[in-house]
Amino acid sequence: MFQNRLALVSRRLDEVPYMVGKAFTAADISVRYALELGSRVGIGDQYSPTIKSYLERLHARDVYKRAMKNPAPN
């Protein structure tokens, strides 16, 4: 099932830079979470170049860098 969703995400990102189009939205946060989870369970090496590039774009965002420096308390 995850592989099917991954294929859908990859096809979408072949068309536009973010899930909804040209702008970063909450949809990207949700997709990033799923992709990061996939990486943590060992399937990140199966990601297409499109998905890998997308994650790099998300990780390069200033807000992402700030959030990772100061994660929410548990």
PDB file of N, CA and C in Angstrom:
ATOM      1  N   MET A   1       0.822  -1.187   0.000  1.00  0.00           N
ATOM      2  CA  MET A   1       0.000   0.000   0.000  1.00  0.00           C
ATOM      3  C   MET A   1       0.875   1.263   0.000  1.00  0.00           C
ATOM      4  N   PHE A   2       1.931   1.299   0.822  1.00  0.00           N
ATOM      5  CA  PHE A   2       2.802   2.472   0.869  1.00  0.00           C
ATOM      6  C   PHE A   2       3.434   2.713  -0.497  1.00  0.00           C
ATOM      7  N   GLN A   3       3.827   1.638  -1.170  1.00  0.00           N
ATOM      8  CA  GLN A   3       4.444   1.780  -2.493  1.00  0.00           C
ATOM      9  C   GLN A   3       3.468   2.402  -3.493  1.00  0.00           C
ATOM     10  N   ASN A   4       2.190   2.051  -3.383  1.00  0.00           N
ATOM     11  CA  ASN A   4       1.182   2.660  -4.273  1.00  0.00           C
ATOM     12  C   ASN A   4       1.075   4.163  -4.025  1.00  0.00           C
ATOM     13  N   ARG A   5       1.036   4.542  -2.770  1.00  0.00           N
ATOM     14  CA  ARG A   5       0.954   5.960  -2.409  1.00  0.00           C
ATOM     15  C   ARG A   5       2.224   6.695  -2.856  1.00  0.00           C
ATOM     16  N   LEU A   6       3.341   6.027  -2.697  1.00  0.00           N
ATOM     17  CA  LEU A   6       4.619   6.611  -3.102  1.00  0.00           C
ATOM     18  C   LEU A   6       4.632   6.899  -4.601  1.00  0.00           C
ATOM     19  N   ALA A   7       4.081   5.994  -5.372  1.00  0.00           N
ATOM     20  CA  ALA A   7       4.008   6.199  -6.824  1.00  0.00           C
ATOM     21  C   ALA A   7       3.125   7.404  -7.155  1.00  0.00           C
ATOM     22  N   LEU A   8       2.012   7.560  -6.438  1.00  0.00           N
ATOM     23  CA  LEU A   8       1.136   8.717  -6.656  1.00  0.00           C
ATOM     24  C   LEU A   8       1.857  10.020  -6.328  1.00  0.00           C
ATOM     25  N   VAL A   9       2.564  10.035  -5.211  1.00  0.00           N
ATOM     26  CA  VAL A   9       3.304  11.235  -4.804  1.00  0.00           C
ATOM     27  C   VAL A   9       4.372  11.554  -5.845  1.00  0.00           C
ATOM     28  N   SER A  10       5.086  10.543  -6.280  1.00  0.00           N
ATOM     29  CA  SER A  10       6.147  10.758  -7.259  1.00  0.00           C
ATOM     30  C   SER A  10       5.595  11.318  -8.567  1.00  0.00           C
ATOM     31  N   ARG A  11       4.474  10.774  -9.029  1.00  0.00           N
ATOM     32  CA  ARG A  11       3.873  11.286 -10.268  1.00  0.00           C
ATOM     33  C   ARG A  11       3.453  12.744 -10.110  1.00  0.00           C
ATOM     34  N   ARG A  12       2.877  13.065  -8.961  1.00  0.00           N
ATOM     35  CA  ARG A  12       2.458  14.458  -8.717  1.00  0.00           C
ATOM     36  C   ARG A  12       3.655  15.388  -8.729  1.00  0.00           C
ATOM     37  N   LEU A  13       4.724  14.960  -8.063  1.00  0.00           N
ATOM     38  CA  LEU A  13       5.906  15.810  -7.968  1.00  0.00           C
ATOM     39  C   LEU A  13       6.698  15.890  -9.270  1.00  0.00           C
ATOM     40  N   ASP A  14       6.399  15.015 -10.212  1.00  0.00           N
ATOM     41  CA  ASP A  14       6.977  15.152 -11.551  1.00  0.00           C
ATOM     42  C   ASP A  14       6.338  16.338 -12.273  1.00  0.00           C
ATOM     43  N   GLU A  15       5.141  16.752 -11.800  1.00  0.00           N
ATOM     44  CA  GLU A  15       4.394  17.835 -12.438  1.00  0.00           C
ATOM     45  C   GLU A  15       4.602  19.190 -11.769  1.00  0.00           C
ATOM     46  N   VAL A  16       4.709  19.189 -10.450  1.00  0.00           N
ATOM     47  CA  VAL A  16       4.776  20.426  -9.670  1.00  0.00           C
ATOM     48  C   VAL A  16       5.797  20.276  -8.536  1.00  0.00           C
ATOM     49  N   PRO A  17       6.315  21.399  -8.011  1.00  0.00           N
ATOM     50  CA  PRO A  17       7.340  21.298  -6.964  1.00  0.00           C
ATOM     51  C   PRO A  17       6.816  20.875  -5.588  1.00  0.00           C
ATOM     52  N   TYR A  18       5.542  21.128  -5.318  1.00  0.00           N
ATOM     53  CA  TYR A  18       4.943  20.768  -4.029  1.00  0.00           C
ATOM     54  C   TYR A  18       3.623  20.050  -4.291  1.00  0.00           C
ATOM     55  N   MET A  19       3.085  19.416  -3.285  1.00  0.00           N
ATOM     56  CA  MET A  19       1.913  18.567  -3.468  1.00  0.00           C
ATOM     57  C   MET A  19       0.705  19.296  -4.042  1.00  0.00           C
ATOM     58  N   VAL A  20       0.505  20.554  -3.672  1.00  0.00           N
ATOM     59  CA  VAL A  20      -0.666  21.280  -4.148  1.00  0.00           C
ATOM     60  C   VAL A  20      -0.338  22.146  -5.368  1.00  0.00           C
ATOM     61  N   GLY A  21       0.909  22.268  -5.684  1.00  0.00           N
ATOM     62  CA  GLY A  21       1.301  23.081  -6.830  1.00  0.00           C
ATOM     63  C   GLY A  21       2.632  23.760  -6.597  1.00  0.00           C
ATOM     64  N   LYS A  22       2.643  25.080  -6.767  1.00  0.00           N
ATOM     65  CA  LYS A  22       3.883  25.843  -6.619  1.00  0.00           C
ATOM     66  C   LYS A  22       4.156  26.274  -5.192  1.00  0.00           C
ATOM     67  N   ALA A  23       3.144  26.187  -4.330  1.00  0.00           N
ATOM     68  CA  ALA A  23       3.285  26.678  -2.957  1.00  0.00           C
ATOM     69  C   ALA A  23       3.376  25.523  -1.957  1.00  0.00           C
ATOM     70  N   PHE A  24       4.205  25.703  -0.952  1.00  0.00           N
ATOM     71  CA  PHE A  24       4.311  24.776   0.169  1.00  0.00           C
ATOM     72  C   PHE A  24       3.039  24.896   1.008  1.00  0.00           C
ATOM     73  N   THR A  25       2.421  23.771   1.369  1.00  0.00           N
ATOM     74  CA  THR A  25       1.190  23.773   2.159  1.00  0.00           C
ATOM     75  C   THR A  25       1.242  22.683   3.229  1.00  0.00           C
ATOM     76  N   ALA A  26       0.170  22.596   3.991  1.00  0.00           N
ATOM     77  CA  ALA A  26       0.056  21.551   5.016  1.00  0.00           C
ATOM     78  C   ALA A  26       0.131  20.155   4.395  1.00  0.00           C
ATOM     79  N   ALA A  27      -0.277  20.028   3.158  1.00  0.00           N
ATOM     80  CA  ALA A  27      -0.177  18.730   2.478  1.00  0.00           C
ATOM     81  C   ALA A  27       1.268  18.257   2.434  1.00  0.00           C
ATOM     82  N   ASP A  28       2.187  19.182   2.234  1.00  0.00           N
ATOM     83  CA  ASP A  28       3.607  18.827   2.192  1.00  0.00           C
ATOM     84  C   ASP A  28       4.105  18.365   3.558  1.00  0.00           C
ATOM     85  N   ILE A  29       3.575  18.948   4.603  1.00  0.00           N
ATOM     86  CA  ILE A  29       3.961  18.531   5.955  1.00  0.00           C
ATOM     87  C   ILE A  29       3.530  17.086   6.177  1.00  0.00           C
ATOM     88  N   SER A  30       2.320  16.759   5.775  1.00  0.00           N
ATOM     89  CA  SER A  30       1.810  15.398   5.941  1.00  0.00           C
ATOM     90  C   SER A  30       2.606  14.395   5.116  1.00  0.00           C
ATOM     91  N   VAL A  31       2.878  14.750   3.873  1.00  0.00           N
ATOM     92  CA  VAL A  31       3.625  13.844   3.000  1.00  0.00           C
ATOM     93  C   VAL A  31       5.053  13.683   3.514  1.00  0.00           C
ATOM     94  N   ARG A  32       5.667  14.766   3.965  1.00  0.00           N
ATOM     95  CA  ARG A  32       7.027  14.689   4.500  1.00  0.00           C
ATOM     96  C   ARG A  32       7.078  13.737   5.682  1.00  0.00           C
ATOM     97  N   TYR A  33       6.086  13.825   6.550  1.00  0.00           N
ATOM     98  CA  TYR A  33       6.045  12.945   7.711  1.00  0.00           C
ATOM     99  C   TYR A  33       6.041  11.475   7.273  1.00  0.00           C
ATOM    100  N   ALA A  34       5.193  11.143   6.309  1.00  0.00           N
ATOM    101  CA  ALA A  34       5.119   9.759   5.820  1.00  0.00           C
ATOM    102  C   ALA A  34       6.426   9.323   5.173  1.00  0.00           C
ATOM    103  N   LEU A  35       7.035  10.221   4.406  1.00  0.00           N
ATOM    104  CA  LEU A  35       8.303   9.883   3.754  1.00  0.00           C
ATOM    105  C   LEU A  35       9.427   9.701   4.773  1.00  0.00           C
ATOM    106  N   GLU A  36       9.450  10.545   5.788  1.00  0.00           N
ATOM    107  CA  GLU A  36      10.466  10.407   6.838  1.00  0.00           C
ATOM    108  C   GLU A  36      10.266   9.087   7.587  1.00  0.00           C
ATOM    109  N   LEU A  37       9.034   8.741   7.847  1.00  0.00           N
ATOM    110  CA  LEU A  37       8.736   7.472   8.506  1.00  0.00           C
ATOM    111  C   LEU A  37       9.220   6.309   7.639  1.00  0.00           C
ATOM    112  N   GLY A  38       8.950   6.387   6.346  1.00  0.00           N
ATOM    113  CA  GLY A  38       9.440   5.359   5.427  1.00  0.00           C
ATOM    114  C   GLY A  38      10.945   5.235   5.466  1.00  0.00           C
ATOM    115  N   SER A  39      11.631   6.359   5.523  1.00  0.00           N
ATOM    116  CA  SER A  39      13.098   6.339   5.610  1.00  0.00           C
ATOM    117  C   SER A  39      13.557   5.667   6.902  1.00  0.00           C
ATOM    118  N   ARG A  40      12.868   5.954   7.973  1.00  0.00           N
ATOM    119  CA  ARG A  40      13.250   5.392   9.272  1.00  0.00           C
ATOM    120  C   ARG A  40      13.034   3.885   9.355  1.00  0.00           C
ATOM    121  N   VAL A  41      12.080   3.382   8.600  1.00  0.00           N
ATOM    122  CA  VAL A  41      11.850   1.933   8.629  1.00  0.00           C
ATOM    123  C   VAL A  41      12.603   1.211   7.512  1.00  0.00           C
ATOM    124  N   GLY A  42      13.438   1.947   6.783  1.00  0.00           N
ATOM    125  CA  GLY A  42      14.355   1.311   5.849  1.00  0.00           C
ATOM    126  C   GLY A  42      13.957   1.243   4.400  1.00  0.00           C
ATOM    127  N   ILE A  43      12.944   1.987   3.980  1.00  0.00           N
ATOM    128  CA  ILE A  43      12.591   1.933   2.559  1.00  0.00           C
ATOM    129  C   ILE A  43      12.946   3.216   1.815  1.00  0.00           C
ATOM    130  N   GLY A  44      13.625   4.133   2.476  1.00  0.00           N
ATOM    131  CA  GLY A  44      14.020   5.381   1.831  1.00  0.00           C
ATOM    132  C   GLY A  44      14.928   5.179   0.637  1.00  0.00           C
ATOM    133  N   ASP A  45      15.677   4.094   0.629  1.00  0.00           N
ATOM    134  CA  ASP A  45      16.566   3.834  -0.506  1.00  0.00           C
ATOM    135  C   ASP A  45      15.780   3.472  -1.768  1.00  0.00           C
ATOM    136  N   GLN A  46      14.499   3.188  -1.621  1.00  0.00           N
ATOM    137  CA  GLN A  46      13.641   2.877  -2.761  1.00  0.00           C
ATOM    138  C   GLN A  46      12.991   4.125  -3.354  1.00  0.00           C
ATOM    139  N   TYR A  47      13.187   5.279  -2.739  1.00  0.00           N
ATOM    140  CA  TYR A  47      12.570   6.506  -3.219  1.00  0.00           C
ATOM    141  C   TYR A  47      13.153   6.898  -4.570  1.00  0.00           C
ATOM    142  N   SER A  48      12.297   7.384  -5.420  1.00  0.00           N
ATOM    143  CA  SER A  48      12.717   7.850  -6.745  1.00  0.00           C
ATOM    144  C   SER A  48      13.551   9.123  -6.598  1.00  0.00           C
ATOM    145  N   PRO A  49      14.303   9.470  -7.634  1.00  0.00           N
ATOM    146  CA  PRO A  49      15.020  10.746  -7.603  1.00  0.00           C
ATOM    147  C   PRO A  49      14.082  11.931  -7.373  1.00  0.00           C
ATOM    148  N   THR A  50      12.873  11.855  -7.882  1.00  0.00           N
ATOM    149  CA  THR A  50      11.888  12.925  -7.683  1.00  0.00           C
ATOM    150  C   THR A  50      11.565  13.083  -6.201  1.00  0.00           C
ATOM    151  N   ILE A  51      11.321  11.970  -5.517  1.00  0.00           N
ATOM    152  CA  ILE A  51      11.005  12.008  -4.086  1.00  0.00           C
ATOM    153  C   ILE A  51      12.208  12.504  -3.296  1.00  0.00           C
ATOM    154  N   LYS A  52      13.380  12.034  -3.638  1.00  0.00           N
ATOM    155  CA  LYS A  52      14.594  12.461  -2.928  1.00  0.00           C
ATOM    156  C   LYS A  52      14.814  13.962  -3.096  1.00  0.00           C
ATOM    157  N   SER A  53      14.590  14.465  -4.291  1.00  0.00           N
ATOM    158  CA  SER A  53      14.736  15.897  -4.555  1.00  0.00           C
ATOM    159  C   SER A  53      13.706  16.702  -3.764  1.00  0.00           C
ATOM    160  N   TYR A  54      12.499  16.197  -3.689  1.00  0.00           N
ATOM    161  CA  TYR A  54      11.425  16.834  -2.917  1.00  0.00           C
ATOM    162  C   TYR A  54      11.827  16.935  -1.454  1.00  0.00           C
ATOM    163  N   LEU A  55      12.310  15.848  -0.878  1.00  0.00           N
ATOM    164  CA  LEU A  55      12.739  15.876   0.526  1.00  0.00           C
ATOM    165  C   LEU A  55      13.880  16.865   0.733  1.00  0.00           C
ATOM    166  N   GLU A  56      14.794  16.929  -0.209  1.00  0.00           N
ATOM    167  CA  GLU A  56      15.893  17.905  -0.116  1.00  0.00           C
ATOM    168  C   GLU A  56      15.349  19.330  -0.114  1.00  0.00           C
ATOM    169  N   ARG A  57      14.354  19.604  -0.965  1.00  0.00           N
ATOM    170  CA  ARG A  57      13.739  20.940  -0.988  1.00  0.00           C
ATOM    171  C   ARG A  57      13.087  21.259   0.351  1.00  0.00           C
ATOM    172  N   LEU A  58      12.384  20.292   0.898  1.00  0.00           N
ATOM    173  CA  LEU A  58      11.720  20.519   2.183  1.00  0.00           C
ATOM    174  C   LEU A  58      12.748  20.743   3.290  1.00  0.00           C
ATOM    175  N   HIS A  59      13.799  19.945   3.301  1.00  0.00           N
ATOM    176  CA  HIS A  59      14.829  20.073   4.335  1.00  0.00           C
ATOM    177  C   HIS A  59      15.605  21.384   4.212  1.00  0.00           C
ATOM    178  N   ALA A  60      15.629  21.946   3.029  1.00  0.00           N
ATOM    179  CA  ALA A  60      16.364  23.206   2.801  1.00  0.00           C
ATOM    180  C   ALA A  60      15.571  24.435   3.252  1.00  0.00           C
ATOM    181  N   ARG A  61      14.301  24.269   3.509  1.00  0.00           N
ATOM    182  CA  ARG A  61      13.476  25.411   3.925  1.00  0.00           C
ATOM    183  C   ARG A  61      13.919  25.901   5.298  1.00  0.00           C
ATOM    184  N   ASP A  62      14.012  27.211   5.452  1.00  0.00           N
ATOM    185  CA  ASP A  62      14.443  27.793   6.728  1.00  0.00           C
ATOM    186  C   ASP A  62      13.555  27.357   7.886  1.00  0.00           C
ATOM    187  N   VAL A  63      12.256  27.325   7.655  1.00  0.00           N
ATOM    188  CA  VAL A  63      11.342  26.957   8.731  1.00  0.00           C
ATOM    189  C   VAL A  63      11.581  25.506   9.175  1.00  0.00           C
ATOM    190  N   TYR A  64      11.922  24.643   8.246  1.00  0.00           N
ATOM    191  CA  TYR A  64      12.220  23.251   8.595  1.00  0.00           C
ATOM    192  C   TYR A  64      13.491  23.194   9.452  1.00  0.00           C
ATOM    193  N   LYS A  65      14.502  23.928   9.032  1.00  0.00           N
ATOM    194  CA  LYS A  65      15.756  23.947   9.800  1.00  0.00           C
ATOM    195  C   LYS A  65      15.525  24.451  11.209  1.00  0.00           C
ATOM    196  N   ARG A  66      14.737  25.506  11.344  1.00  0.00           N
ATOM    197  CA  ARG A  66      14.448  26.047  12.679  1.00  0.00           C
ATOM    198  C   ARG A  66      13.668  25.044  13.520  1.00  0.00           C
ATOM    199  N   ALA A  67      12.710  24.394  12.909  1.00  0.00           N
ATOM    200  CA  ALA A  67      11.894  23.415  13.643  1.00  0.00           C
ATOM    201  C   ALA A  67      12.743  22.241  14.110  1.00  0.00           C
ATOM    202  N   MET A  68      13.705  21.826  13.330  1.00  0.00           N
ATOM    203  CA  MET A  68      14.543  20.697  13.708  1.00  0.00           C
ATOM    204  C   MET A  68      15.550  21.093  14.801  1.00  0.00           C
ATOM    205  N   LYS A  69      15.905  22.375  14.848  1.00  0.00           N
ATOM    206  CA  LYS A  69      16.783  22.855  15.906  1.00  0.00           C
ATOM    207  C   LYS A  69      16.062  22.926  17.247  1.00  0.00           C
ATOM    208  N   ASN A  70      14.774  23.246  17.193  1.00  0.00           N
ATOM    209  CA  ASN A  70      13.961  23.449  18.392  1.00  0.00           C
ATOM    210  C   ASN A  70      12.702  22.591  18.326  1.00  0.00           C
ATOM    211  N   PRO A  71      12.861  21.280  18.447  1.00  0.00           N
ATOM    212  CA  PRO A  71      11.668  20.430  18.355  1.00  0.00           C
ATOM    213  C   PRO A  71      10.708  20.690  19.511  1.00  0.00           C
ATOM    214  N   ALA A  72       9.452  20.395  19.275  1.00  0.00           N
ATOM    215  CA  ALA A  72       8.420  20.584  20.293  1.00  0.00           C
ATOM    216  C   ALA A  72       8.724  19.685  21.507  1.00  0.00           C
ATOM    217  N   PRO A  73       8.433  20.174  22.703  1.00  0.00           N
ATOM    218  CA  PRO A  73       8.658  19.340  23.883  1.00  0.00           C
ATOM    219  C   PRO A  73       7.702  18.159  23.917  1.00  0.00           C
ATOM    220  N   ASN A  74       8.130  17.097  24.560  1.00  0.00           N
ATOM    221  CA  ASN A  74       7.283  15.891  24.674  1.00  0.00           C
ATOM    222  C   ASN A  74       6.264  16.042  25.754  1.00  0.00           C
TER     223      ASN A  74
END
